[in-house]
Amino acid sequence: MENQTEQSHVNHETNEPKAKLSDDNKAFAVLSYLGLLSLIPLLLKKNDEFVQFHARQGFVLAIAEIAACFLNIIPFIGPIFWMILGFVFVIVSIVGIMKALEGEKWEIPVLSEYAKKIKI
């Protein structure tokens, strides 16, 4: 029975303990996945590792979303790719928000490597 309780506080992807966070930190982490609003936690919560992790990822995701907008310039196929990527970005944002609320660190495939390089 004790093992089940212990496992419920473990990140199943990394087997690390889930962070015990305040609602304030979770709110800032959620804000990270709302486009350029990621700048708020990125600049205001510099000393919080959990919030910074999500803020960096959210910022890179926002930059990717802005870059994807330029696909509309390409006739016919550009708007199709832009819509597909837009859908993917929304799904990734929702997953990021859910993981932030659960107190987990979830690395966005591909984009997380760029997020790790951001130094504030």
PDB file of N, CA and C in Angstrom:
ATOM      1  N   MET A   1       0.822  -1.194   0.000  1.00  0.00           N
ATOM      2  CA  MET A   1       0.000   0.000   0.000  1.00  0.00           C
ATOM      3  C   MET A   1       0.864   1.256   0.000  1.00  0.00           C
ATOM      4  N   GLU A   2       1.938   1.247   0.783  1.00  0.00           N
ATOM      5  CA  GLU A   2       2.817   2.401   0.863  1.00  0.00           C
ATOM      6  C   GLU A   2       3.465   2.676  -0.492  1.00  0.00           C
ATOM      7  N   ASN A   3       3.798   1.640  -1.233  1.00  0.00           N
ATOM      8  CA  ASN A   3       4.420   1.771  -2.532  1.00  0.00           C
ATOM      9  C   ASN A   3       3.509   2.481  -3.522  1.00  0.00           C
ATOM     10  N   GLN A   4       2.191   2.222  -3.463  1.00  0.00           N
ATOM     11  CA  GLN A   4       1.250   2.890  -4.353  1.00  0.00           C
ATOM     12  C   GLN A   4       1.212   4.384  -4.075  1.00  0.00           C
ATOM     13  N   THR A   5       1.205   4.768  -2.811  1.00  0.00           N
ATOM     14  CA  THR A   5       1.189   6.179  -2.458  1.00  0.00           C
ATOM     15  C   THR A   5       2.457   6.847  -2.940  1.00  0.00           C
ATOM     16  N   GLU A   6       3.590   6.183  -2.788  1.00  0.00           N
ATOM     17  CA  GLU A   6       4.859   6.732  -3.209  1.00  0.00           C
ATOM     18  C   GLU A   6       4.874   6.911  -4.728  1.00  0.00           C
ATOM     19  N   GLN A   7       4.344   5.964  -5.464  1.00  0.00           N
ATOM     20  CA  GLN A   7       4.352   6.043  -6.913  1.00  0.00           C
ATOM     21  C   GLN A   7       3.459   7.157  -7.433  1.00  0.00           C
ATOM     22  N   SER A   8       2.415   7.519  -6.714  1.00  0.00           N
ATOM     23  CA  SER A   8       1.525   8.562  -7.201  1.00  0.00           C
ATOM     24  C   SER A   8       2.190   9.930  -7.185  1.00  0.00           C
ATOM     25  N   HIS A   9       3.304  10.063  -6.462  1.00  0.00           N
ATOM     26  CA  HIS A   9       4.028  11.323  -6.409  1.00  0.00           C
ATOM     27  C   HIS A   9       5.301  11.265  -7.248  1.00  0.00           C
ATOM     28  N   VAL A  10       5.332  10.341  -8.214  1.00  0.00           N
ATOM     29  CA  VAL A  10       6.500  10.156  -9.058  1.00  0.00           C
ATOM     30  C   VAL A  10       6.132  10.475 -10.497  1.00  0.00           C
ATOM     31  N   ASN A  11       7.011  11.185 -11.181  1.00  0.00           N
ATOM     32  CA  ASN A  11       6.844  11.456 -12.605  1.00  0.00           C
ATOM     33  C   ASN A  11       7.077  10.140 -13.343  1.00  0.00           C
ATOM     34  N   HIS A  12       6.061   9.624 -13.997  1.00  0.00           N
ATOM     35  CA  HIS A  12       6.148   8.312 -14.620  1.00  0.00           C
ATOM     36  C   HIS A  12       7.074   8.295 -15.830  1.00  0.00           C
ATOM     37  N   GLU A  13       7.359   9.447 -16.411  1.00  0.00           N
ATOM     38  CA  GLU A  13       8.246   9.487 -17.570  1.00  0.00           C
ATOM     39  C   GLU A  13       9.711   9.457 -17.157  1.00  0.00           C
ATOM     40  N   THR A  14      10.058  10.098 -16.037  1.00  0.00           N
ATOM     41  CA  THR A  14      11.456  10.185 -15.627  1.00  0.00           C
ATOM     42  C   THR A  14      11.746   9.444 -14.331  1.00  0.00           C
ATOM     43  N   ASN A  15      10.722   8.946 -13.650  1.00  0.00           N
ATOM     44  CA  ASN A  15      10.838   8.282 -12.357  1.00  0.00           C
ATOM     45  C   ASN A  15      11.418   9.187 -11.277  1.00  0.00           C
ATOM     46  N   GLU A  16      11.348  10.501 -11.489  1.00  0.00           N
ATOM     47  CA  GLU A  16      11.776  11.462 -10.481  1.00  0.00           C
ATOM     48  C   GLU A  16      10.563  11.878  -9.657  1.00  0.00           C
ATOM     49  N   PRO A  17      10.783  12.274  -8.409  1.00  0.00           N
ATOM     50  CA  PRO A  17       9.640  12.749  -7.616  1.00  0.00           C
ATOM     51  C   PRO A  17       9.047  14.012  -8.241  1.00  0.00           C
ATOM     52  N   LYS A  18       7.719  14.097  -8.208  1.00  0.00           N
ATOM     53  CA  LYS A  18       7.060  15.302  -8.697  1.00  0.00           C
ATOM     54  C   LYS A  18       7.354  16.437  -7.727  1.00  0.00           C
ATOM     55  N   ALA A  19       7.512  17.616  -8.275  1.00  0.00           N
ATOM     56  CA  ALA A  19       7.788  18.777  -7.439  1.00  0.00           C
ATOM     57  C   ALA A  19       6.535  19.160  -6.648  1.00  0.00           C
ATOM     58  N   LYS A  20       6.741  19.557  -5.395  1.00  0.00           N
ATOM     59  CA  LYS A  20       5.644  20.086  -4.594  1.00  0.00           C
ATOM     60  C   LYS A  20       5.686  21.590  -4.778  1.00  0.00           C
ATOM     61  N   LEU A  21       4.695  22.104  -5.467  1.00  0.00           N
ATOM     62  CA  LEU A  21       4.723  23.495  -5.893  1.00  0.00           C
ATOM     63  C   LEU A  21       3.561  24.276  -5.331  1.00  0.00           C
ATOM     64  N   SER A  22       3.789  25.560  -5.209  1.00  0.00           N
ATOM     65  CA  SER A  22       2.700  26.444  -4.803  1.00  0.00           C
ATOM     66  C   SER A  22       1.798  26.700  -6.011  1.00  0.00           C
ATOM     67  N   ASP A  23       0.591  27.137  -5.734  1.00  0.00           N
ATOM     68  CA  ASP A  23      -0.326  27.486  -6.824  1.00  0.00           C
ATOM     69  C   ASP A  23       0.238  28.623  -7.658  1.00  0.00           C
ATOM     70  N   ASP A  24       0.992  29.518  -7.022  1.00  0.00           N
ATOM     71  CA  ASP A  24       1.623  30.632  -7.723  1.00  0.00           C
ATOM     72  C   ASP A  24       2.604  30.123  -8.778  1.00  0.00           C
ATOM     73  N   ASN A  25       3.443  29.161  -8.402  1.00  0.00           N
ATOM     74  CA  ASN A  25       4.414  28.605  -9.347  1.00  0.00           C
ATOM     75  C   ASN A  25       3.726  27.860 -10.476  1.00  0.00           C
ATOM     76  N   LYS A  26       2.659  27.133 -10.152  1.00  0.00           N
ATOM     77  CA  LYS A  26       1.917  26.431 -11.198  1.00  0.00           C
ATOM     78  C   LYS A  26       1.266  27.420 -12.152  1.00  0.00           C
ATOM     79  N   ALA A  27       0.754  28.524 -11.628  1.00  0.00           N
ATOM     80  CA  ALA A  27       0.126  29.544 -12.477  1.00  0.00           C
ATOM     81  C   ALA A  27       1.138  30.153 -13.428  1.00  0.00           C
ATOM     82  N   PHE A  28       2.321  30.447 -12.926  1.00  0.00           N
ATOM     83  CA  PHE A  28       3.367  30.993 -13.793  1.00  0.00           C
ATOM     84  C   PHE A  28       3.798  29.966 -14.839  1.00  0.00           C
ATOM     85  N   ALA A  29       3.878  28.698 -14.454  1.00  0.00           N
ATOM     86  CA  ALA A  29       4.247  27.647 -15.406  1.00  0.00           C
ATOM     87  C   ALA A  29       3.189  27.503 -16.493  1.00  0.00           C
ATOM     88  N   VAL A  30       1.922  27.601 -16.125  1.00  0.00           N
ATOM     89  CA  VAL A  30       0.833  27.535 -17.109  1.00  0.00           C
ATOM     90  C   VAL A  30       0.910  28.726 -18.049  1.00  0.00           C
ATOM     91  N   LEU A  31       1.179  29.896 -17.516  1.00  0.00           N
ATOM     92  CA  LEU A  31       1.294  31.115 -18.322  1.00  0.00           C
ATOM     93  C   LEU A  31       2.363  30.963 -19.400  1.00  0.00           C
ATOM     94  N   SER A  32       3.338  30.131 -19.129  1.00  0.00           N
ATOM     95  CA  SER A  32       4.446  29.905 -20.061  1.00  0.00           C
ATOM     96  C   SER A  32       3.998  29.363 -21.410  1.00  0.00           C
ATOM     97  N   TYR A  33       2.871  28.687 -21.447  1.00  0.00           N
ATOM     98  CA  TYR A  33       2.415  28.055 -22.686  1.00  0.00           C
ATOM     99  C   TYR A  33       1.349  28.875 -23.411  1.00  0.00           C
ATOM    100  N   LEU A  34       1.256  30.153 -23.066  1.00  0.00           N
ATOM    101  CA  LEU A  34       0.271  31.032 -23.708  1.00  0.00           C
ATOM    102  C   LEU A  34       0.974  32.082 -24.569  1.00  0.00           C
ATOM    103  N   GLY A  35       1.711  31.592 -25.543  1.00  0.00           N
ATOM    104  CA  GLY A  35       2.371  32.468 -26.508  1.00  0.00           C
ATOM    105  C   GLY A  35       3.438  33.342 -25.882  1.00  0.00           C
ATOM    106  N   LEU A  36       3.466  34.603 -26.290  1.00  0.00           N
ATOM    107  CA  LEU A  36       4.500  35.513 -25.796  1.00  0.00           C
ATOM    108  C   LEU A  36       4.312  35.896 -24.332  1.00  0.00           C
ATOM    109  N   LEU A  37       3.208  35.467 -23.722  1.00  0.00           N
ATOM    110  CA  LEU A  37       3.054  35.668 -22.275  1.00  0.00           C
ATOM    111  C   LEU A  37       4.108  34.876 -21.505  1.00  0.00           C
ATOM    112  N   SER A  38       4.801  33.975 -22.190  1.00  0.00           N
ATOM    113  CA  SER A  38       5.886  33.219 -21.559  1.00  0.00           C
ATOM    114  C   SER A  38       7.004  34.137 -21.081  1.00  0.00           C
ATOM    115  N   LEU A  39       7.064  35.337 -21.622  1.00  0.00           N
ATOM    116  CA  LEU A  39       8.084  36.295 -21.184  1.00  0.00           C
ATOM    117  C   LEU A  39       7.869  36.719 -19.729  1.00  0.00           C
ATOM    118  N   ILE A  40       6.626  36.726 -19.271  1.00  0.00           N
ATOM    119  CA  ILE A  40       6.334  37.148 -17.892  1.00  0.00           C
ATOM    120  C   ILE A  40       7.018  36.222 -16.888  1.00  0.00           C
ATOM    121  N   PRO A  41       6.761  34.902 -16.924  1.00  0.00           N
ATOM    122  CA  PRO A  41       7.474  34.043 -15.968  1.00  0.00           C
ATOM    123  C   PRO A  41       8.974  33.966 -16.248  1.00  0.00           C
ATOM    124  N   LEU A  42       9.333  34.083 -17.512  1.00  0.00           N
ATOM    125  CA  LEU A  42      10.751  34.019 -17.869  1.00  0.00           C
ATOM    126  C   LEU A  42      11.528  35.142 -17.189  1.00  0.00           C
ATOM    127  N   LEU A  43      10.936  36.321 -17.107  1.00  0.00           N
ATOM    128  CA  LEU A  43      11.615  37.478 -16.523  1.00  0.00           C
ATOM    129  C   LEU A  43      11.335  37.669 -15.038  1.00  0.00           C
ATOM    130  N   LEU A  44      10.162  37.237 -14.554  1.00  0.00           N
ATOM    131  CA  LEU A  44       9.796  37.482 -13.161  1.00  0.00           C
ATOM    132  C   LEU A  44      10.202  36.372 -12.193  1.00  0.00           C
ATOM    133  N   LYS A  45      10.346  35.172 -12.676  1.00  0.00           N
ATOM    134  CA  LYS A  45      10.644  34.026 -11.796  1.00  0.00           C
ATOM    135  C   LYS A  45      12.009  33.425 -12.130  1.00  0.00           C
ATOM    136  N   LYS A  46      13.029  34.270 -12.167  1.00  0.00           N
ATOM    137  CA  LYS A  46      14.364  33.827 -12.567  1.00  0.00           C
ATOM    138  C   LYS A  46      14.978  32.807 -11.622  1.00  0.00           C
ATOM    139  N   ASN A  47      14.558  32.800 -10.372  1.00  0.00           N
ATOM    140  CA  ASN A  47      15.166  31.902  -9.384  1.00  0.00           C
ATOM    141  C   ASN A  47      14.381  30.611  -9.167  1.00  0.00           C
ATOM    142  N   ASP A  48      13.350  30.385  -9.936  1.00  0.00           N
ATOM    143  CA  ASP A  48      12.534  29.181  -9.770  1.00  0.00           C
ATOM    144  C   ASP A  48      12.796  28.231 -10.937  1.00  0.00           C
ATOM    145  N   GLU A  49      13.475  27.136 -10.655  1.00  0.00           N
ATOM    146  CA  GLU A  49      13.883  26.197 -11.702  1.00  0.00           C
ATOM    147  C   GLU A  49      12.692  25.614 -12.464  1.00  0.00           C
ATOM    148  N   PHE A  50      11.631  25.241 -11.740  1.00  0.00           N
ATOM    149  CA  PHE A  50      10.456  24.646 -12.373  1.00  0.00           C
ATOM    150  C   PHE A  50       9.786  25.626 -13.329  1.00  0.00           C
ATOM    151  N   VAL A  51       9.570  26.846 -12.870  1.00  0.00           N
ATOM    152  CA  VAL A  51       8.924  27.860 -13.706  1.00  0.00           C
ATOM    153  C   VAL A  51       9.818  28.199 -14.896  1.00  0.00           C
ATOM    154  N   GLN A  52      11.120  28.324 -14.673  1.00  0.00           N
ATOM    155  CA  GLN A  52      12.036  28.638 -15.768  1.00  0.00           C
ATOM    156  C   GLN A  52      12.051  27.540 -16.830  1.00  0.00           C
ATOM    157  N   PHE A  53      11.993  26.288 -16.393  1.00  0.00           N
ATOM    158  CA  PHE A  53      11.944  25.171 -17.335  1.00  0.00           C
ATOM    159  C   PHE A  53      10.766  25.338 -18.294  1.00  0.00           C
ATOM    160  N   HIS A  54       9.586  25.578 -17.735  1.00  0.00           N
ATOM    161  CA  HIS A  54       8.390  25.715 -18.562  1.00  0.00           C
ATOM    162  C   HIS A  54       8.393  27.028 -19.343  1.00  0.00           C
ATOM    163  N   ALA A  55       8.909  28.098 -18.755  1.00  0.00           N
ATOM    164  CA  ALA A  55       8.940  29.395 -19.442  1.00  0.00           C
ATOM    165  C   ALA A  55       9.850  29.345 -20.663  1.00  0.00           C
ATOM    166  N   ARG A  56      10.981  28.691 -20.534  1.00  0.00           N
ATOM    167  CA  ARG A  56      11.899  28.565 -21.684  1.00  0.00           C
ATOM    168  C   ARG A  56      11.245  27.769 -22.809  1.00  0.00           C
ATOM    169  N   GLN A  57      10.610  26.676 -22.443  1.00  0.00           N
ATOM    170  CA  GLN A  57       9.937  25.867 -23.465  1.00  0.00           C
ATOM    171  C   GLN A  57       8.795  26.643 -24.113  1.00  0.00           C
ATOM    172  N   GLY A  58       8.023  27.341 -23.301  1.00  0.00           N
ATOM    173  CA  GLY A  58       6.920  28.138 -23.830  1.00  0.00           C
ATOM    174  C   GLY A  58       7.402  29.240 -24.755  1.00  0.00           C
ATOM    175  N   PHE A  59       8.515  29.858 -24.409  1.00  0.00           N
ATOM    176  CA  PHE A  59       9.073  30.916 -25.247  1.00  0.00           C
ATOM    177  C   PHE A  59       9.522  30.367 -26.597  1.00  0.00           C
ATOM    178  N   VAL A  60      10.204  29.232 -26.582  1.00  0.00           N
ATOM    179  CA  VAL A  60      10.642  28.601 -27.839  1.00  0.00           C
ATOM    180  C   VAL A  60       9.426  28.179 -28.662  1.00  0.00           C
ATOM    181  N   LEU A  61       8.400  27.687 -28.004  1.00  0.00           N
ATOM    182  CA  LEU A  61       7.160  27.318 -28.696  1.00  0.00           C
ATOM    183  C   LEU A  61       6.519  28.548 -29.340  1.00  0.00           C
ATOM    184  N   ALA A  62       6.511  29.669 -28.648  1.00  0.00           N
ATOM    185  CA  ALA A  62       5.950  30.917 -29.197  1.00  0.00           C
ATOM    186  C   ALA A  62       6.745  31.375 -30.414  1.00  0.00           C
ATOM    187  N   ILE A  63       8.068  31.277 -30.352  1.00  0.00           N
ATOM    188  CA  ILE A  63       8.914  31.651 -31.500  1.00  0.00           C
ATOM    189  C   ILE A  63       8.621  30.724 -32.679  1.00  0.00           C
ATOM    190  N   ALA A  64       8.443  29.433 -32.419  1.00  0.00           N
ATOM    191  CA  ALA A  64       8.109  28.478 -33.486  1.00  0.00           C
ATOM    192  C   ALA A  64       6.750  28.809 -34.104  1.00  0.00           C
ATOM    193  N   GLU A  65       5.802  29.233 -33.271  1.00  0.00           N
ATOM    194  CA  GLU A  65       4.481  29.611 -33.777  1.00  0.00           C
ATOM    195  C   GLU A  65       4.577  30.837 -34.685  1.00  0.00           C
ATOM    196  N   ILE A  66       5.371  31.809 -34.279  1.00  0.00           N
ATOM    197  CA  ILE A  66       5.553  33.018 -35.096  1.00  0.00           C
ATOM    198  C   ILE A  66       6.234  32.656 -36.411  1.00  0.00           C
ATOM    199  N   ALA A  67       7.259  31.813 -36.345  1.00  0.00           N
ATOM    200  CA  ALA A  67       7.962  31.390 -37.562  1.00  0.00           C
ATOM    201  C   ALA A  67       7.025  30.644 -38.503  1.00  0.00           C
ATOM    202  N   ALA A  68       6.136  29.826 -37.941  1.00  0.00           N
ATOM    203  CA  ALA A  68       5.194  29.056 -38.764  1.00  0.00           C
ATOM    204  C   ALA A  68       4.214  29.969 -39.500  1.00  0.00           C
ATOM    205  N   CYS A  69       3.949  31.146 -38.956  1.00  0.00           N
ATOM    206  CA  CYS A  69       3.042  32.092 -39.625  1.00  0.00           C
ATOM    207  C   CYS A  69       3.557  32.485 -41.010  1.00  0.00           C
ATOM    208  N   PHE A  70       4.868  32.485 -41.168  1.00  0.00           N
ATOM    209  CA  PHE A  70       5.448  32.871 -42.449  1.00  0.00           C
ATOM    210  C   PHE A  70       5.202  31.833 -43.545  1.00  0.00           C
ATOM    211  N   LEU A  71       4.734  30.652 -43.157  1.00  0.00           N
ATOM    212  CA  LEU A  71       4.389  29.646 -44.160  1.00  0.00           C
ATOM    213  C   LEU A  71       3.217  30.098 -45.028  1.00  0.00           C
ATOM    214  N   ASN A  72       2.418  31.019 -44.521  1.00  0.00           N
ATOM    215  CA  ASN A  72       1.277  31.521 -45.292  1.00  0.00           C
ATOM    216  C   ASN A  72       1.706  32.219 -46.576  1.00  0.00           C
ATOM    217  N   ILE A  73       2.953  32.605 -46.654  1.00  0.00           N
ATOM    218  CA  ILE A  73       3.461  33.289 -47.851  1.00  0.00           C
ATOM    219  C   ILE A  73       3.499  32.335 -49.045  1.00  0.00           C
ATOM    220  N   ILE A  74       3.744  31.065 -48.793  1.00  0.00           N
ATOM    221  CA  ILE A  74       3.841  30.078 -49.864  1.00  0.00           C
ATOM    222  C   ILE A  74       2.440  29.803 -50.399  1.00  0.00           C
ATOM    223  N   PRO A  75       2.239  30.008 -51.682  1.00  0.00           N
ATOM    224  CA  PRO A  75       0.895  29.801 -52.245  1.00  0.00           C
ATOM    225  C   PRO A  75       0.410  28.357 -52.088  1.00  0.00           C
ATOM    226  N   PHE A  76      -0.849  28.213 -51.849  1.00  0.00           N
ATOM    227  CA  PHE A  76      -1.601  26.968 -51.726  1.00  0.00           C
ATOM    228  C   PHE A  76      -1.152  26.078 -50.572  1.00  0.00           C
ATOM    229  N   ILE A  77       0.061  25.566 -50.633  1.00  0.00           N
ATOM    230  CA  ILE A  77       0.492  24.588 -49.633  1.00  0.00           C
ATOM    231  C   ILE A  77       0.868  25.248 -48.306  1.00  0.00           C
ATOM    232  N   GLY A  78       1.299  26.501 -48.321  1.00  0.00           N
ATOM    233  CA  GLY A  78       1.685  27.207 -47.097  1.00  0.00           C
ATOM    234  C   GLY A  78       0.580  27.274 -46.060  1.00  0.00           C
ATOM    235  N   PRO A  79      -0.617  27.728 -46.441  1.00  0.00           N
ATOM    236  CA  PRO A  79      -1.702  27.770 -45.455  1.00  0.00           C
ATOM    237  C   PRO A  79      -2.080  26.394 -44.896  1.00  0.00           C
ATOM    238  N   ILE A  80      -1.929  25.366 -45.707  1.00  0.00           N
ATOM    239  CA  ILE A  80      -2.239  24.012 -45.236  1.00  0.00           C
ATOM    240  C   ILE A  80      -1.245  23.601 -44.147  1.00  0.00           C
ATOM    241  N   PHE A  81       0.055  23.804 -44.418  1.00  0.00           N
ATOM    242  CA  PHE A  81       1.069  23.494 -43.410  1.00  0.00           C
ATOM    243  C   PHE A  81       0.883  24.338 -42.160  1.00  0.00           C
ATOM    244  N   TRP A  82       0.543  25.609 -42.351  1.00  0.00           N
ATOM    245  CA  TRP A  82       0.343  26.515 -41.224  1.00  0.00           C
ATOM    246  C   TRP A  82      -0.806  26.031 -40.341  1.00  0.00           C
ATOM    247  N   MET A  83      -1.891  25.580 -40.956  1.00  0.00           N
ATOM    248  CA  MET A  83      -3.025  25.072 -40.170  1.00  0.00           C
ATOM    249  C   MET A  83      -2.654  23.795 -39.411  1.00  0.00           C
ATOM    250  N   ILE A  84      -1.922  22.912 -40.068  1.00  0.00           N
ATOM    251  CA  ILE A  84      -1.507  21.667 -39.412  1.00  0.00           C
ATOM    252  C   ILE A  84      -0.588  21.976 -38.231  1.00  0.00           C
ATOM    253  N   LEU A  85       0.397  22.833 -38.473  1.00  0.00           N
ATOM    254  CA  LEU A  85       1.310  23.198 -37.389  1.00  0.00           C
ATOM    255  C   LEU A  85       0.580  23.932 -36.270  1.00  0.00           C
ATOM    256  N   GLY A  86      -0.376  24.779 -36.631  1.00  0.00           N
ATOM    257  CA  GLY A  86      -1.165  25.479 -35.618  1.00  0.00           C
ATOM    258  C   GLY A  86      -1.889  24.504 -34.712  1.00  0.00           C
ATOM    259  N   PHE A  87      -2.455  23.471 -35.296  1.00  0.00           N
ATOM    260  CA  PHE A  87      -3.132  22.429 -34.522  1.00  0.00           C
ATOM    261  C   PHE A  87      -2.141  21.719 -33.605  1.00  0.00           C
ATOM    262  N   VAL A  88      -0.965  21.388 -34.132  1.00  0.00           N
ATOM    263  CA  VAL A  88       0.069  20.720 -33.331  1.00  0.00           C
ATOM    264  C   VAL A  88       0.507  21.623 -32.178  1.00  0.00           C
ATOM    265  N   PHE A  89       0.687  22.915 -32.449  1.00  0.00           N
ATOM    266  CA  PHE A  89       1.105  23.846 -31.402  1.00  0.00           C
ATOM    267  C   PHE A  89       0.056  23.947 -30.290  1.00  0.00           C
ATOM    268  N   VAL A  90      -1.205  23.929 -30.648  1.00  0.00           N
ATOM    269  CA  VAL A  90      -2.275  23.976 -29.637  1.00  0.00           C
ATOM    270  C   VAL A  90      -2.230  22.715 -28.766  1.00  0.00           C
ATOM    271  N   ILE A  91      -2.063  21.568 -29.388  1.00  0.00           N
ATOM    272  CA  ILE A  91      -1.989  20.306 -28.638  1.00  0.00           C
ATOM    273  C   ILE A  91      -0.776  20.311 -27.710  1.00  0.00           C
ATOM    274  N   VAL A  92       0.373  20.746 -28.217  1.00  0.00           N
ATOM    275  CA  VAL A  92       1.588  20.799 -27.398  1.00  0.00           C
ATOM    276  C   VAL A  92       1.390  21.759 -26.222  1.00  0.00           C
ATOM    277  N   SER A  93       0.749  22.887 -26.463  1.00  0.00           N
ATOM    278  CA  SER A  93       0.484  23.842 -25.380  1.00  0.00           C
ATOM    279  C   SER A  93      -0.421  23.232 -24.315  1.00  0.00           C
ATOM    280  N   ILE A  94      -1.447  22.524 -24.739  1.00  0.00           N
ATOM    281  CA  ILE A  94      -2.364  21.895 -23.790  1.00  0.00           C
ATOM    282  C   ILE A  94      -1.634  20.845 -22.954  1.00  0.00           C
ATOM    283  N   VAL A  95      -0.798  20.042 -23.585  1.00  0.00           N
ATOM    284  CA  VAL A  95      -0.039  19.028 -22.849  1.00  0.00           C
ATOM    285  C   VAL A  95       0.922  19.710 -21.875  1.00  0.00           C
ATOM    286  N   GLY A  96       1.590  20.770 -22.322  1.00  0.00           N
ATOM    287  CA  GLY A  96       2.492  21.512 -21.444  1.00  0.00           C
ATOM    288  C   GLY A  96       1.771  22.089 -20.235  1.00  0.00           C
ATOM    289  N   ILE A  97       0.581  22.629 -20.440  1.00  0.00           N
ATOM    290  CA  ILE A  97      -0.220  23.175 -19.343  1.00  0.00           C
ATOM    291  C   ILE A  97      -0.605  22.067 -18.367  1.00  0.00           C
ATOM    292  N   MET A  98      -1.032  20.929 -18.896  1.00  0.00           N
ATOM    293  CA  MET A  98      -1.419  19.813 -18.029  1.00  0.00           C
ATOM    294  C   MET A  98      -0.234  19.321 -17.204  1.00  0.00           C
ATOM    295  N   LYS A  99       0.916  19.202 -17.833  1.00  0.00           N
ATOM    296  CA  LYS A  99       2.112  18.742 -17.114  1.00  0.00           C
ATOM    297  C   LYS A  99       2.532  19.762 -16.063  1.00  0.00           C
ATOM    298  N   ALA A 100       2.427  21.045 -16.373  1.00  0.00           N
ATOM    299  CA  ALA A 100       2.772  22.091 -15.405  1.00  0.00           C
ATOM    300  C   ALA A 100       1.849  22.021 -14.198  1.00  0.00           C
ATOM    301  N   LEU A 101       0.568  21.814 -14.440  1.00  0.00           N
ATOM    302  CA  LEU A 101      -0.394  21.704 -13.339  1.00  0.00           C
ATOM    303  C   LEU A 101      -0.153  20.469 -12.476  1.00  0.00           C
ATOM    304  N   GLU A 102       0.397  19.423 -13.084  1.00  0.00           N
ATOM    305  CA  GLU A 102       0.707  18.195 -12.350  1.00  0.00           C
ATOM    306  C   GLU A 102       2.047  18.280 -11.636  1.00  0.00           C
ATOM    307  N   GLY A 103       2.797  19.354 -11.868  1.00  0.00           N
ATOM    308  CA  GLY A 103       4.105  19.513 -11.236  1.00  0.00           C
ATOM    309  C   GLY A 103       5.200  18.729 -11.921  1.00  0.00           C
ATOM    310  N   GLU A 104       5.003  18.404 -13.181  1.00  0.00           N
ATOM    311  CA  GLU A 104       5.976  17.607 -13.929  1.00  0.00           C
ATOM    312  C   GLU A 104       6.733  18.476 -14.923  1.00  0.00           C
ATOM    313  N   LYS A 105       7.931  18.019 -15.242  1.00  0.00           N
ATOM    314  CA  LYS A 105       8.717  18.630 -16.307  1.00  0.00           C
ATOM    315  C   LYS A 105       8.603  17.704 -17.519  1.00  0.00           C
ATOM    316  N   TRP A 106       8.008  18.218 -18.573  1.00  0.00           N
ATOM    317  CA  TRP A 106       7.846  17.443 -19.795  1.00  0.00           C
ATOM    318  C   TRP A 106       8.594  18.163 -20.905  1.00  0.00           C
ATOM    319  N   GLU A 107       9.503  17.464 -21.551  1.00  0.00           N
ATOM    320  CA  GLU A 107      10.280  18.075 -22.618  1.00  0.00           C
ATOM    321  C   GLU A 107       9.541  17.957 -23.941  1.00  0.00           C
ATOM    322  N   ILE A 108       9.333  19.092 -24.579  1.00  0.00           N
ATOM    323  CA  ILE A 108       8.706  19.113 -25.899  1.00  0.00           C
ATOM    324  C   ILE A 108       9.712  18.540 -26.897  1.00  0.00           C
ATOM    325  N   PRO A 109       9.315  17.531 -27.655  1.00  0.00           N
ATOM    326  CA  PRO A 109      10.251  16.981 -28.647  1.00  0.00           C
ATOM    327  C   PRO A 109      10.791  18.077 -29.567  1.00  0.00           C
ATOM    328  N   VAL A 110      12.062  18.011 -29.863  1.00  0.00           N
ATOM    329  CA  VAL A 110      12.806  18.922 -30.728  1.00  0.00           C
ATOM    330  C   VAL A 110      12.989  20.299 -30.071  1.00  0.00           C
ATOM    331  N   LEU A 111      11.909  20.956 -29.695  1.00  0.00           N
ATOM    332  CA  LEU A 111      11.992  22.324 -29.180  1.00  0.00           C
ATOM    333  C   LEU A 111      12.689  22.408 -27.830  1.00  0.00           C
ATOM    334  N   SER A 112      12.634  21.361 -27.027  1.00  0.00           N
ATOM    335  CA  SER A 112      13.253  21.410 -25.701  1.00  0.00           C
ATOM    336  C   SER A 112      14.770  21.591 -25.792  1.00  0.00           C
ATOM    337  N   GLU A 113      15.375  21.086 -26.857  1.00  0.00           N
ATOM    338  CA  GLU A 113      16.829  21.261 -27.032  1.00  0.00           C
ATOM    339  C   GLU A 113      17.185  22.742 -27.201  1.00  0.00           C
ATOM    340  N   TYR A 114      16.341  23.480 -27.892  1.00  0.00           N
ATOM    341  CA  TYR A 114      16.568  24.919 -28.057  1.00  0.00           C
ATOM    342  C   TYR A 114      16.274  25.655 -26.751  1.00  0.00           C
ATOM    343  N   ALA A 115      15.285  25.193 -26.022  1.00  0.00           N
ATOM    344  CA  ALA A 115      14.917  25.821 -24.747  1.00  0.00           C
ATOM    345  C   ALA A 115      16.048  25.723 -23.737  1.00  0.00           C
ATOM    346  N   LYS A 116      16.774  24.628 -23.753  1.00  0.00           N
ATOM    347  CA  LYS A 116      17.886  24.427 -22.815  1.00  0.00           C
ATOM    348  C   LYS A 116      19.003  25.432 -23.050  1.00  0.00           C
ATOM    349  N   LYS A 117      19.086  25.978 -24.237  1.00  0.00           N
ATOM    350  CA  LYS A 117      20.173  26.904 -24.588  1.00  0.00           C
ATOM    351  C   LYS A 117      19.880  28.344 -24.164  1.00  0.00           C
ATOM    352  N   ILE A 118      18.659  28.622 -23.739  1.00  0.00           N
ATOM    353  CA  ILE A 118      18.293  29.983 -23.334  1.00  0.00           C
ATOM    354  C   ILE A 118      18.849  30.262 -21.957  1.00  0.00           C
ATOM    355  N   LYS A 119      19.630  31.317 -21.846  1.00  0.00           N
ATOM    356  CA  LYS A 119      20.206  31.739 -20.573  1.00  0.00           C
ATOM    357  C   LYS A 119      19.675  33.125 -20.237  1.00  0.00           C
ATOM    358  N   ILE A 120      19.000  33.225 -19.109  1.00  0.00           N
ATOM    359  CA  ILE A 120      18.468  34.533 -18.681  1.00  0.00           C
ATOM    360  C   ILE A 120      19.144  34.914 -17.383  1.00  0.00           C
TER     361      ILE A 120
END
